[in-house]
Amino acid sequence: MKNEMDTYEKLTEYAARAGIMVLEEGKLTASIRMDGVCAVFIDSREYSSASKLAEALAHELGHCESCAFYSVDSARLNVRKCELLADLWSALTLLPPGRLRALIDAGARELHELSEATGRSEEFVRRAIELYRAKGLL
């Protein structure tokens, strides 16, 4: 079962349709909102695989789509909330709970099995499972 938005290219197409600028330059990966426009800066050199690059872009798009932004002066609790919302959006987008449940029901139990079956990193799968369990989605 292939997710239609599971590649970096598909995510950049999504961003363009949503009016989110993706800038593949600079020396950091971050998202900002100014004057009602969201932009994602992504440094592809930071990531060791296409999967991790897509995961990073999905996370940053999650900040934009959830309006979950913070500044260096933000309280730690606000930062955690914003990161949680971005993580949840990226998980729902790249590895929906139904897809994960179907793999588990089919016998996949280990992180490496779920990672291989989905094309996501083990860290991403682990975080998606945590989020879905906390929300009662898995």
C-alpha atoms as a PDB file:
ATOM      1  CA  MET A   1       0.000   0.000   0.000  1.00  0.00           C
ATOM      2  CA  LYS A   2       1.842   3.096  -1.248  1.00  0.00           C
ATOM      3  CA  ASN A   3       1.173   6.475   0.337  1.00  0.00           C
ATOM      4  CA  GLU A   4       0.711   9.146  -2.319  1.00  0.00           C
ATOM      5  CA  MET A   5       2.735  11.711  -0.386  1.00  0.00           C
ATOM      6  CA  ASP A   6       5.707   9.643   0.717  1.00  0.00           C
ATOM      7  CA  THR A   7       8.517  11.170  -1.312  1.00  0.00           C
ATOM      8  CA  TYR A   8      10.350  14.455  -1.124  1.00  0.00           C
ATOM      9  CA  GLU A   9       9.147  15.351  -4.620  1.00  0.00           C
ATOM     10  CA  LYS A  10       5.497  14.711  -3.744  1.00  0.00           C
ATOM     11  CA  LEU A  11       5.883  16.800  -0.595  1.00  0.00           C
ATOM     12  CA  THR A  12       7.369  19.715  -2.548  1.00  0.00           C
ATOM     13  CA  GLU A  13       4.442  19.478  -4.988  1.00  0.00           C
ATOM     14  CA  TYR A  14       2.047  19.520  -2.034  1.00  0.00           C
ATOM     15  CA  ALA A  15       3.833  22.566  -0.599  1.00  0.00           C
ATOM     16  CA  ALA A  16       3.561  24.435  -3.908  1.00  0.00           C
ATOM     17  CA  ARG A  17      -0.186  23.717  -4.103  1.00  0.00           C
ATOM     18  CA  ALA A  18      -0.582  24.887  -0.480  1.00  0.00           C
ATOM     19  CA  GLY A  19       1.338  28.108  -1.143  1.00  0.00           C
ATOM     20  CA  ILE A  20       4.283  27.105   1.039  1.00  0.00           C
ATOM     21  CA  MET A  21       7.677  28.065  -0.319  1.00  0.00           C
ATOM     22  CA  VAL A  22      10.370  25.379  -0.094  1.00  0.00           C
ATOM     23  CA  LEU A  23      13.845  26.840  -0.348  1.00  0.00           C
ATOM     24  CA  GLU A  24      16.615  24.319  -0.844  1.00  0.00           C
ATOM     25  CA  GLU A  25      19.419  26.586   0.146  1.00  0.00           C
ATOM     26  CA  GLY A  26      21.029  27.724   3.309  1.00  0.00           C
ATOM     27  CA  LYS A  27      22.719  25.921   6.109  1.00  0.00           C
ATOM     28  CA  LEU A  28      19.767  24.888   8.219  1.00  0.00           C
ATOM     29  CA  THR A  29      16.408  23.189   8.123  1.00  0.00           C
ATOM     30  CA  ALA A  30      13.591  25.307   9.551  1.00  0.00           C
ATOM     31  CA  SER A  31      10.205  26.797   8.821  1.00  0.00           C
ATOM     32  CA  ILE A  32       8.989  30.357   9.280  1.00  0.00           C
ATOM     33  CA  ARG A  33       5.805  32.344   8.811  1.00  0.00           C
ATOM     34  CA  MET A  34       5.960  36.014   7.863  1.00  0.00           C
ATOM     35  CA  ASP A  35       3.095  38.188   6.687  1.00  0.00           C
ATOM     36  CA  GLY A  36       0.872  35.137   6.326  1.00  0.00           C
ATOM     37  CA  VAL A  37       3.314  33.252   4.099  1.00  0.00           C
ATOM     38  CA  CYS A  38       5.028  30.091   5.236  1.00  0.00           C
ATOM     39  CA  ALA A  39       8.468  29.111   4.018  1.00  0.00           C
ATOM     40  CA  VAL A  40      10.546  26.016   4.649  1.00  0.00           C
ATOM     41  CA  PHE A  41      14.309  26.100   4.390  1.00  0.00           C
ATOM     42  CA  ILE A  42      15.857  22.699   3.896  1.00  0.00           C
ATOM     43  CA  ASP A  43      19.520  21.800   3.696  1.00  0.00           C
ATOM     44  CA  SER A  44      19.528  18.472   1.886  1.00  0.00           C
ATOM     45  CA  ARG A  45      23.196  17.941   2.776  1.00  0.00           C
ATOM     46  CA  GLU A  46      22.096  17.316   6.374  1.00  0.00           C
ATOM     47  CA  TYR A  47      20.312  14.056   5.539  1.00  0.00           C
ATOM     48  CA  SER A  48      21.833  10.671   4.815  1.00  0.00           C
ATOM     49  CA  SER A  49      18.944   9.296   2.770  1.00  0.00           C
ATOM     50  CA  ALA A  50      16.003  10.335   0.615  1.00  0.00           C
ATOM     51  CA  SER A  51      13.697   8.949   3.304  1.00  0.00           C
ATOM     52  CA  LYS A  52      15.191  11.132   6.037  1.00  0.00           C
ATOM     53  CA  LEU A  53      15.041  14.152   3.731  1.00  0.00           C
ATOM     54  CA  ALA A  54      11.319  13.531   3.110  1.00  0.00           C
ATOM     55  CA  GLU A  55      10.763  13.053   6.853  1.00  0.00           C
ATOM     56  CA  ALA A  56      12.466  16.386   7.599  1.00  0.00           C
ATOM     57  CA  LEU A  57      10.442  18.212   4.947  1.00  0.00           C
ATOM     58  CA  ALA A  58       7.206  16.652   6.246  1.00  0.00           C
ATOM     59  CA  HIS A  59       8.080  17.790   9.768  1.00  0.00           C
ATOM     60  CA  GLU A  60       8.708  21.373   8.620  1.00  0.00           C
ATOM     61  CA  LEU A  61       5.520  21.350   6.537  1.00  0.00           C
ATOM     62  CA  GLY A  62       3.806  20.175   9.721  1.00  0.00           C
ATOM     63  CA  HIS A  63       4.835  23.415  11.407  1.00  0.00           C
ATOM     64  CA  CYS A  64       3.280  25.361   8.534  1.00  0.00           C
ATOM     65  CA  GLU A  65       0.092  23.324   8.274  1.00  0.00           C
ATOM     66  CA  SER A  66      -0.453  23.282  12.049  1.00  0.00           C
ATOM     67  CA  CYS A  67       0.527  26.948  12.526  1.00  0.00           C
ATOM     68  CA  ALA A  68       2.952  25.618  15.122  1.00  0.00           C
ATOM     69  CA  PHE A  69       5.749  28.158  15.277  1.00  0.00           C
ATOM     70  CA  TYR A  70       7.934  29.370  18.087  1.00  0.00           C
ATOM     71  CA  SER A  71      10.876  31.694  18.603  1.00  0.00           C
ATOM     72  CA  VAL A  72      14.095  31.394  20.536  1.00  0.00           C
ATOM     73  CA  ASP A  73      12.322  33.242  23.366  1.00  0.00           C
ATOM     74  CA  SER A  74       9.408  30.809  23.552  1.00  0.00           C
ATOM     75  CA  ALA A  75       8.696  28.892  26.727  1.00  0.00           C
ATOM     76  CA  ARG A  76       9.861  25.292  26.693  1.00  0.00           C
ATOM     77  CA  LEU A  77       6.279  24.037  26.918  1.00  0.00           C
ATOM     78  CA  ASN A  78       5.304  26.006  23.801  1.00  0.00           C
ATOM     79  CA  VAL A  79       8.296  24.607  21.912  1.00  0.00           C
ATOM     80  CA  ARG A  80       7.288  21.055  22.888  1.00  0.00           C
ATOM     81  CA  LYS A  81       3.689  21.637  21.769  1.00  0.00           C
ATOM     82  CA  CYS A  82       4.823  23.023  18.420  1.00  0.00           C
ATOM     83  CA  GLU A  83       7.203  20.128  17.835  1.00  0.00           C
ATOM     84  CA  LEU A  84       4.492  17.634  18.814  1.00  0.00           C
ATOM     85  CA  LEU A  85       2.062  19.141  16.290  1.00  0.00           C
ATOM     86  CA  ALA A  86       4.695  19.081  13.537  1.00  0.00           C
ATOM     87  CA  ASP A  87       5.612  15.475  14.383  1.00  0.00           C
ATOM     88  CA  LEU A  88       1.960  14.435  14.355  1.00  0.00           C
ATOM     89  CA  TRP A  89       1.298  16.095  10.992  1.00  0.00           C
ATOM     90  CA  SER A  90       4.354  14.450   9.449  1.00  0.00           C
ATOM     91  CA  ALA A  91       3.393  11.032  10.857  1.00  0.00           C
ATOM     92  CA  LEU A  92      -0.201  11.307   9.620  1.00  0.00           C
ATOM     93  CA  THR A  93       1.081  12.385   6.217  1.00  0.00           C
ATOM     94  CA  LEU A  94       3.910   9.905   5.670  1.00  0.00           C
ATOM     95  CA  LEU A  95       2.725   6.924   7.706  1.00  0.00           C
ATOM     96  CA  PRO A  96      -1.015   7.045   8.410  1.00  0.00           C
ATOM     97  CA  PRO A  97      -2.200   4.919  11.348  1.00  0.00           C
ATOM     98  CA  GLY A  98      -4.261   2.629   9.101  1.00  0.00           C
ATOM     99  CA  ARG A  99      -1.190   1.752   7.056  1.00  0.00           C
ATOM    100  CA  LEU A 100       0.840   1.078  10.174  1.00  0.00           C
ATOM    101  CA  ARG A 101      -1.974  -1.005  11.695  1.00  0.00           C
ATOM    102  CA  ALA A 102      -2.275  -3.079   8.501  1.00  0.00           C
ATOM    103  CA  LEU A 103       1.442  -3.896   8.612  1.00  0.00           C
ATOM    104  CA  ILE A 104       1.273  -4.856  12.277  1.00  0.00           C
ATOM    105  CA  ASP A 105      -1.825  -7.003  11.634  1.00  0.00           C
ATOM    106  CA  ALA A 106       0.068  -8.687   8.787  1.00  0.00           C
ATOM    107  CA  GLY A 107       2.799  -9.724  11.227  1.00  0.00           C
ATOM    108  CA  ALA A 108       5.382  -6.919  11.184  1.00  0.00           C
ATOM    109  CA  ARG A 109       6.489  -6.428  14.778  1.00  0.00           C
ATOM    110  CA  GLU A 110      10.041  -5.129  14.794  1.00  0.00           C
ATOM    111  CA  LEU A 111      10.974  -1.533  14.003  1.00  0.00           C
ATOM    112  CA  HIS A 112      13.298  -2.646  11.230  1.00  0.00           C
ATOM    113  CA  GLU A 113      10.450  -4.614   9.587  1.00  0.00           C
ATOM    114  CA  LEU A 114       8.096  -1.631   9.735  1.00  0.00           C
ATOM    115  CA  SER A 115      10.859   0.661   8.516  1.00  0.00           C
ATOM    116  CA  GLU A 116      11.657  -1.549   5.532  1.00  0.00           C
ATOM    117  CA  ALA A 117       7.986  -2.009   4.636  1.00  0.00           C
ATOM    118  CA  THR A 118       7.235   1.730   4.738  1.00  0.00           C
ATOM    119  CA  GLY A 119      10.469   3.262   3.523  1.00  0.00           C
ATOM    120  CA  ARG A 120      10.632   5.362   6.692  1.00  0.00           C
ATOM    121  CA  SER A 121      13.509   5.467   9.163  1.00  0.00           C
ATOM    122  CA  GLU A 122      13.256   3.446  12.357  1.00  0.00           C
ATOM    123  CA  GLU A 123      13.270   6.685  14.372  1.00  0.00           C
ATOM    124  CA  PHE A 124      10.308   7.980  12.363  1.00  0.00           C
ATOM    125  CA  VAL A 125       8.352   4.745  12.805  1.00  0.00           C
ATOM    126  CA  ARG A 126       9.084   4.721  16.552  1.00  0.00           C
ATOM    127  CA  ARG A 127       7.837   8.313  16.905  1.00  0.00           C
ATOM    128  CA  ALA A 128       4.702   7.619  14.838  1.00  0.00           C
ATOM    129  CA  ILE A 129       3.869   4.647  17.075  1.00  0.00           C
ATOM    130  CA  GLU A 130       4.355   6.792  20.211  1.00  0.00           C
ATOM    131  CA  LEU A 131       2.131   9.550  18.846  1.00  0.00           C
ATOM    132  CA  TYR A 132      -0.610   7.225  17.656  1.00  0.00           C
ATOM    133  CA  ARG A 133      -0.694   5.310  20.924  1.00  0.00           C
ATOM    134  CA  ALA A 134      -0.902   8.560  22.893  1.00  0.00           C
ATOM    135  CA  LYS A 135      -3.809   9.706  20.700  1.00  0.00           C
ATOM    136  CA  GLY A 136      -5.578   6.326  20.779  1.00  0.00           C
ATOM    137  CA  LEU A 137      -5.071   5.845  17.041  1.00  0.00           C
ATOM    138  CA  LEU A 138      -3.121   2.598  17.300  1.00  0.00           C
END
